[in-house]
């Protein structure tokens, strides 16, 4: 099965998440492409929509080594196990974290110029993306959300590599995946249309007026 596009994938996920109506959930897109999926879910739930802005802290590879992440507001989440395994010095960590902060500042300048982040502490968060091939980005985002003290995390992805999904499922309170695959080389292979999502398109979704809860066709 291939999805027509990200919007169809979001509609199908929304069918599986209707029980969250009335739960004061917030729907977060994990990337620009994830925001397209998240928007369809938010419409069905009648929930606020936002994008999760993070910047990964990585040591040069190959492949790059994920050491942590920086979230909005300056929150830094470290993977202390990775730091010990790769023996990164304190100066090296500071330098890498500063680079990640600069990357996050560029995102904030684009997305938060006139769109304030939706409060999420103590709330159920639906974290949506257009797929999970390695799970690295989702893993980082989940750790940032835990540090921001959300009540529950629901991970929603149309397609994922099954071993990756098994690992991510242990990190969240609930997960929905429409198409777990034994091997996923590229997320875009699961879509007939998979265009890049420009910042302007993502911002248009964030600027739109909230819609009344809708029902999607079965």
Protein backbone atom coordinates (compact mmCIF):
# COMPACT_ATOMS: atom_id res chain seq x y z
CA UNK A 1 0.00 0.00 0.00
CA UNK A 2 1.24 3.45 -0.93
CA UNK A 3 -0.33 6.64 0.36
CA UNK A 4 -1.49 9.19 -2.17
CA UNK A 5 0.19 12.01 -0.25
CA UNK A 6 0.81 13.24 3.29
CA UNK A 7 -2.74 14.54 3.63
CA UNK A 8 -4.26 11.13 2.95
CA UNK A 9 -1.84 9.57 5.42
CA UNK A 10 -2.91 12.11 8.05
CA UNK A 11 -6.58 11.39 7.41
CA UNK A 12 -6.02 7.67 7.88
CA UNK A 13 -4.11 8.24 11.11
CA UNK A 14 -6.90 10.52 12.36
CA UNK A 15 -9.37 7.63 12.08
CA UNK A 16 -7.25 5.71 14.57
CA UNK A 17 -6.98 8.65 16.97
CA UNK A 18 -10.60 9.80 17.26
CA UNK A 19 -10.77 8.58 20.86
CA UNK A 20 -8.56 11.54 21.81
CA UNK A 21 -11.32 14.06 21.10
CA UNK A 22 -12.08 15.96 24.27
CA UNK A 23 -8.69 15.07 25.80
CA UNK A 24 -7.24 18.58 25.34
CA UNK A 25 -4.60 17.08 23.10
CA UNK A 26 -2.09 19.14 21.15
CA UNK A 27 -0.90 17.88 17.77
CA UNK A 28 2.75 18.56 16.89
CA UNK A 29 4.38 18.05 13.50
CA UNK A 30 7.88 16.67 13.89
CA UNK A 31 9.08 18.29 10.67
CA UNK A 32 7.68 20.39 7.85
CA UNK A 33 6.41 17.21 6.19
CA UNK A 34 5.16 15.94 9.53
CA UNK A 35 3.19 19.16 9.95
CA UNK A 36 1.10 18.32 6.87
CA UNK A 37 0.21 14.96 8.45
CA UNK A 38 -0.39 16.61 11.84
CA UNK A 39 -2.78 19.18 10.36
CA UNK A 40 -5.19 16.48 9.22
CA UNK A 41 -5.14 14.87 12.67
CA UNK A 42 -5.69 18.23 14.38
CA UNK A 43 -8.74 18.90 12.20
CA UNK A 44 -10.42 15.66 13.21
CA UNK A 45 -9.58 16.06 16.91
CA UNK A 46 -10.41 19.77 17.01
CA UNK A 47 -6.96 20.19 18.60
CA UNK A 48 -4.36 22.96 18.44
CA UNK A 49 -1.63 22.46 15.82
CA UNK A 50 2.03 23.33 16.20
CA UNK A 51 5.48 22.32 14.99
CA UNK A 52 8.09 20.88 17.33
CA UNK A 53 11.35 22.79 16.88
CA UNK A 54 14.49 20.98 17.94
CA UNK A 55 18.09 20.89 16.79
CA UNK A 56 20.14 17.73 17.12
CA UNK A 57 23.54 17.81 18.84
CA UNK A 58 25.75 15.55 16.74
CA UNK A 59 29.38 14.55 16.54
CA UNK A 60 30.80 14.15 13.04
CA UNK A 61 30.60 10.65 11.52
CA UNK A 62 30.35 8.74 9.41
CA UNK A 63 27.70 8.16 10.48
CA UNK A 64 26.97 11.22 12.66
CA UNK A 65 26.58 10.35 16.35
CA UNK A 66 23.53 11.74 18.12
CA UNK A 67 24.58 13.12 21.50
CA UNK A 68 21.48 15.08 22.44
CA UNK A 69 19.21 17.88 21.34
CA UNK A 70 18.34 21.48 22.00
CA UNK A 71 14.67 22.43 22.31
CA UNK A 72 12.88 25.74 22.30
CA UNK A 73 13.56 27.85 25.35
CA UNK A 74 17.15 26.60 25.55
CA UNK A 75 16.31 23.15 26.91
CA UNK A 76 19.24 20.77 26.35
CA UNK A 77 18.73 17.00 26.50
CA UNK A 78 21.89 14.84 26.54
CA UNK A 79 22.38 11.18 25.73
CA UNK A 80 24.90 10.47 28.47
CA UNK A 81 25.40 6.89 27.30
CA UNK A 82 26.52 8.08 23.84
CA UNK A 83 28.78 10.69 25.41
CA UNK A 84 30.51 8.02 27.50
CA UNK A 85 30.82 5.58 24.59
CA UNK A 86 32.46 8.12 22.31
CA UNK A 87 34.49 9.93 25.00
CA UNK A 88 33.50 13.47 23.97
CA UNK A 89 35.32 16.17 25.93
CA UNK A 90 33.49 18.90 27.82
CA UNK A 91 34.87 21.52 25.43
CA UNK A 92 33.74 19.42 22.48
CA UNK A 93 30.24 19.11 23.91
CA UNK A 94 30.02 22.86 24.48
CA UNK A 95 31.09 23.54 20.90
CA UNK A 96 28.58 21.07 19.45
CA UNK A 97 25.76 22.38 21.64
CA UNK A 98 26.50 25.95 20.57
CA UNK A 99 26.25 24.88 16.93
CA UNK A 100 22.90 23.22 17.62
CA UNK A 101 21.63 26.35 19.36
CA UNK A 102 22.50 28.42 16.29
CA UNK A 103 20.60 25.96 14.11
CA UNK A 104 17.59 26.15 16.41
CA UNK A 105 17.76 29.96 16.46
CA UNK A 106 17.42 29.96 12.67
CA UNK A 107 14.30 27.79 12.94
CA UNK A 108 12.81 29.96 15.68
CA UNK A 109 13.43 33.09 13.60
CA UNK A 110 11.37 31.57 10.79
CA UNK A 111 8.56 29.88 12.71
CA UNK A 112 8.12 31.95 15.86
CA UNK A 113 8.25 35.42 14.38
CA UNK A 114 4.48 35.71 14.86
CA UNK A 115 3.36 32.18 15.82
CA UNK A 116 3.72 31.55 19.56
CA UNK A 117 4.29 27.94 20.68
CA UNK A 118 1.24 26.12 22.00
CA UNK A 119 1.58 25.30 25.75
CA UNK A 120 2.07 21.54 26.18
CA UNK A 121 3.05 20.96 29.84
CA UNK A 122 0.60 18.58 31.49
CA UNK A 123 -1.21 17.81 28.22
CA UNK A 124 -1.48 14.88 25.85
CA UNK A 125 0.73 15.44 22.80
CA UNK A 126 0.20 13.69 19.49
CA UNK A 127 3.63 13.69 17.83
CA UNK A 128 3.16 13.16 14.09
CA UNK A 129 5.62 12.68 11.25
CA UNK A 130 5.39 11.41 7.68
CA UNK A 131 7.43 8.31 8.50
CA UNK A 132 10.22 6.82 10.60
CA UNK A 133 13.08 5.11 8.78
CA UNK A 134 15.76 5.35 11.49
CA UNK A 135 13.76 6.83 14.38
CA UNK A 136 16.57 9.20 15.35
CA UNK A 137 14.53 12.38 14.97
CA UNK A 138 11.54 10.90 16.79
CA UNK A 139 13.75 9.64 19.62
CA UNK A 140 15.20 13.13 20.05
CA UNK A 141 11.77 14.75 20.00
CA UNK A 142 10.36 12.32 22.57
CA UNK A 143 13.16 13.13 24.99
CA UNK A 144 12.54 16.85 24.56
CA UNK A 145 8.82 16.39 25.21
CA UNK A 146 9.48 14.35 28.37
CA UNK A 147 11.73 17.10 29.64
CA UNK A 148 8.95 19.61 28.98
CA UNK A 149 6.69 17.57 31.28
CA UNK A 150 3.89 16.59 28.95
CA UNK A 151 1.30 14.22 30.41
CA UNK A 152 1.20 11.64 27.60
CA UNK A 153 2.95 11.18 24.25
CA UNK A 154 1.12 9.54 21.37
CA UNK A 155 3.39 8.83 18.41
CA UNK A 156 1.57 8.76 15.06
CA UNK A 157 3.34 7.82 11.82
CA UNK A 158 1.91 6.43 8.58
CA UNK A 159 4.91 4.19 7.89
CA UNK A 160 7.91 2.97 9.89
CA UNK A 161 10.59 0.32 9.88
CA UNK A 162 9.29 -2.35 12.27
CA UNK A 163 12.43 -2.67 14.46
CA UNK A 164 12.54 1.13 14.78
CA UNK A 165 8.86 1.21 15.69
CA UNK A 166 9.38 -1.45 18.37
CA UNK A 167 12.07 0.71 19.99
CA UNK A 168 10.07 3.93 19.78
CA UNK A 169 6.94 2.24 21.14
CA UNK A 170 8.78 1.61 24.41
CA UNK A 171 9.47 5.34 24.74
CA UNK A 172 5.91 6.65 24.35
CA UNK A 173 2.55 6.06 26.01
CA UNK A 174 0.77 5.06 22.80
CA UNK A 175 1.71 4.66 19.17
CA UNK A 176 -0.17 4.35 15.90
CA UNK A 177 1.53 3.17 12.71
CA UNK A 178 -0.52 2.28 9.66
CA UNK A 179 2.21 0.44 7.78
CA UNK A 180 5.06 -1.18 9.73
CA UNK A 181 7.61 -2.62 7.31
CA UNK A 182 10.49 -5.04 7.91
CA UNK A 183 12.75 -2.69 5.92
CA UNK A 184 12.28 0.97 4.98
CA UNK A 185 14.99 2.47 2.82
CA UNK A 186 13.28 5.84 2.32
CA UNK A 187 10.01 7.22 3.68
CA UNK A 188 9.15 8.80 0.32
CA UNK A 189 8.89 5.36 -1.30
CA UNK A 190 5.62 4.84 0.57
CA UNK A 191 3.97 7.83 -1.13
CA UNK A 192 2.87 8.46 -4.71
CA UNK A 193 3.40 12.19 -4.15
CA UNK A 194 6.11 13.25 -1.71
CA UNK A 195 7.17 16.84 -2.50
CA UNK A 196 9.42 18.88 -0.24
CA UNK A 197 7.44 21.14 2.09
CA UNK A 198 8.67 24.71 2.01
CA UNK A 199 8.77 26.91 5.11
CA UNK A 200 6.10 29.11 3.52
CA UNK A 201 3.74 26.13 3.17
CA UNK A 202 4.38 25.04 6.76
CA UNK A 203 3.78 28.56 8.03
CA UNK A 204 0.51 28.72 6.12
CA UNK A 205 -0.69 25.68 8.08
CA UNK A 206 0.32 27.28 11.37
CA UNK A 207 -1.36 30.58 10.51
CA UNK A 208 -4.68 29.14 9.47
CA UNK A 209 -7.77 29.56 11.60
CA UNK A 210 -8.56 26.52 13.78
CA UNK A 211 -11.17 24.32 12.15
CA UNK A 212 -14.18 22.70 13.72
CA UNK A 213 -13.67 18.99 14.45
CA UNK A 214 -14.31 17.02 11.28
CA UNK A 215 -14.95 13.43 10.41
CA UNK A 216 -12.88 11.66 7.79
CA UNK A 217 -14.28 9.05 5.42
CA UNK A 218 -13.78 5.41 6.28
